[in-house]
């Protein structure tokens, strides 16, 4: 059985806001961090306080910095993180 994430602050379940969010992982915080992986995940939001989280990551990135398609995936990035 799988449970939805729960907001610690509000004590209620997060709701799915968007499936298939493209997120770019950096080596360290921006602006100095170098982009090196691109992931797909699902954006969830607390319906009360509007805190957002990303869950449902794949087993591996969709692209690494040295892959030929990395620049194309970068055009789709919605969220950056490290």
Protein backbone atom coordinates (compact mmCIF):
# COMPACT_ATOMS: atom_id res chain seq x y z
CA UNK A 1 0.00 0.00 0.00
CA UNK A 2 1.27 3.45 -0.90
CA UNK A 3 0.47 6.54 1.13
CA UNK A 4 0.36 10.14 -0.03
CA UNK A 5 2.81 12.60 1.49
CA UNK A 6 1.46 14.45 4.52
CA UNK A 7 2.12 18.10 5.35
CA UNK A 8 3.72 18.18 8.80
CA UNK A 9 2.56 21.76 9.42
CA UNK A 10 -1.12 21.18 8.51
CA UNK A 11 -1.50 17.45 9.18
CA UNK A 12 -3.28 16.77 5.88
CA UNK A 13 -2.37 14.92 2.71
CA UNK A 14 -0.71 16.70 -0.18
CA UNK A 15 -2.60 16.68 -3.49
CA UNK A 16 -1.09 16.14 -6.92
CA UNK A 17 -0.64 19.48 -8.68
CA UNK A 18 1.23 18.34 -11.81
CA UNK A 19 2.61 15.04 -13.10
CA UNK A 20 5.80 14.90 -15.14
CA UNK A 21 7.63 17.98 -13.87
CA UNK A 22 11.12 18.32 -15.39
CA UNK A 23 13.72 19.20 -12.76
CA UNK A 24 17.42 19.97 -13.20
CA UNK A 25 19.89 18.92 -10.52
CA UNK A 26 23.01 21.05 -9.94
CA UNK A 27 26.31 20.13 -8.26
CA UNK A 28 25.84 22.88 -5.65
CA UNK A 29 23.57 25.91 -5.07
CA UNK A 30 23.07 28.34 -7.92
CA UNK A 31 24.53 30.49 -9.34
CA UNK A 32 27.80 28.58 -8.90
CA UNK A 33 26.39 25.07 -9.27
CA UNK A 34 26.84 23.23 -12.54
CA UNK A 35 23.79 21.50 -14.06
CA UNK A 36 24.46 17.77 -14.33
CA UNK A 37 21.25 15.69 -14.25
CA UNK A 38 17.67 16.09 -15.43
CA UNK A 39 14.88 14.23 -13.67
CA UNK A 40 11.12 13.72 -14.01
CA UNK A 41 8.96 13.89 -10.90
CA UNK A 42 5.48 14.81 -9.73
CA UNK A 43 4.65 18.13 -8.09
CA UNK A 44 2.39 17.88 -5.04
CA UNK A 45 0.93 20.71 -2.97
CA UNK A 46 -0.62 21.07 0.47
CA UNK A 47 -4.17 22.34 -0.15
CA UNK A 48 -4.06 24.41 3.04
CA UNK A 49 -0.64 26.11 3.28
CA UNK A 50 0.35 25.61 -0.39
CA UNK A 51 3.75 24.09 0.44
CA UNK A 52 5.01 22.20 -2.61
CA UNK A 53 7.17 19.07 -2.88
CA UNK A 54 8.37 16.84 -5.70
CA UNK A 55 7.93 13.08 -5.31
CA UNK A 56 7.74 10.10 -7.64
CA UNK A 57 11.25 10.43 -9.06
CA UNK A 58 12.32 7.79 -11.53
CA UNK A 59 15.04 5.24 -10.78
CA UNK A 60 17.52 7.24 -12.84
CA UNK A 61 17.76 10.67 -14.49
CA UNK A 62 16.31 11.13 -17.97
CA UNK A 63 19.57 12.78 -19.04
CA UNK A 64 23.10 13.37 -17.73
CA UNK A 65 25.23 16.44 -18.49
CA UNK A 66 27.36 14.50 -20.98
CA UNK A 67 24.43 12.95 -22.92
CA UNK A 68 23.88 14.30 -26.46
CA UNK A 69 20.25 15.21 -25.65
CA UNK A 70 21.03 17.14 -22.43
CA UNK A 71 20.67 20.61 -24.01
CA UNK A 72 17.26 19.67 -25.46
CA UNK A 73 16.03 18.49 -22.04
CA UNK A 74 17.30 21.72 -20.48
CA UNK A 75 14.76 23.63 -22.57
CA UNK A 76 12.00 21.77 -20.68
CA UNK A 77 13.31 22.42 -17.14
CA UNK A 78 10.70 23.87 -14.77
CA UNK A 79 12.52 23.51 -11.44
CA UNK A 80 16.20 23.72 -10.44
CA UNK A 81 17.63 22.10 -7.31
CA UNK A 82 20.85 20.70 -5.84
